[in-house]
């Protein structure tokens, strides 16, 4: 069976249909890693004292404002450490879920059953998938910082803003931050490339850029669209946690967020990974003759 390119809307509809067919296969890998990740996040914030720090910031703002800068930095250090470690744990977990989702959905697109050994394959390919994503993210962040720094230099030289400086600043901003956005979008297919083509870190980055070339704007639109699902889910969690934060304190709210994250975050990541798989397959079908067996 040959996989043919589809219009944008058809790719979106097909990805949603695939989610309906494969959710039973997508859920176990997601829960397998995000349950420990959620528990580890909760434990990190408790052990490091980050919960107490956050509680003081919200409930004792006057006390926080009176602290010297050095004391404030020392007080926030546990929170920063816990946040950084939790972000790393969840990023690795997401890489695992992405790889597993790509494998499951690709098999469904090819017309076959869910492949065996998905967890083993995902475990072996988590490291290159995470590293490829990390390299792309760090490179994009550096380009973004460099662009914003260059953008701020003329503003500091002008001093008081005027109509001309505002016009020039608005013109320069997309030009200077454009390379960072271009790279991040172009490298967005690295995890399906690693999962389905088994390429290394740098090779997967080059492959992703090559696939997205010529379809950059549709890819950006698709990424923004599927990103809305994650944002909506996070907002729902916050709507529940914020009232409880007021009633029961920060500790209760953070506990609830962690519990909800255990249940939902992995499923959300699996859903996004499934939708990314469909876009990757469509990009690949536009550049080469793609058969169903090529997706196994």
Foldseek 3Di string as FASTA:
>chain_A
DWDAFDDLVVLVVVLVVLCVVCVVVLPPLLLVQLLVLLVLLLVLCVVLVVLVLVQCVVPPVVVLVPDDPVVNCVSCVSNVVSVVVSVVSVLLSLLLSLLLLLQQLLLVVQVHHRDPPSNVLSVVLSVQSSVLLVVLLVVLVVQQVVLVVVLCVVVVVVDDDDPVNVVVSVVSNCVSSVVSVQSNLQQVLLSSCCNQVVDGRVVSSVVSNVLCVVVSVSSVVLVVVLVVVVVVLVVVLCVVLVVCCVVPNSSVSSVSSSVVCSVPVSSSSSSSSSSSSSVSVSSVNVPDGDHSVSRD
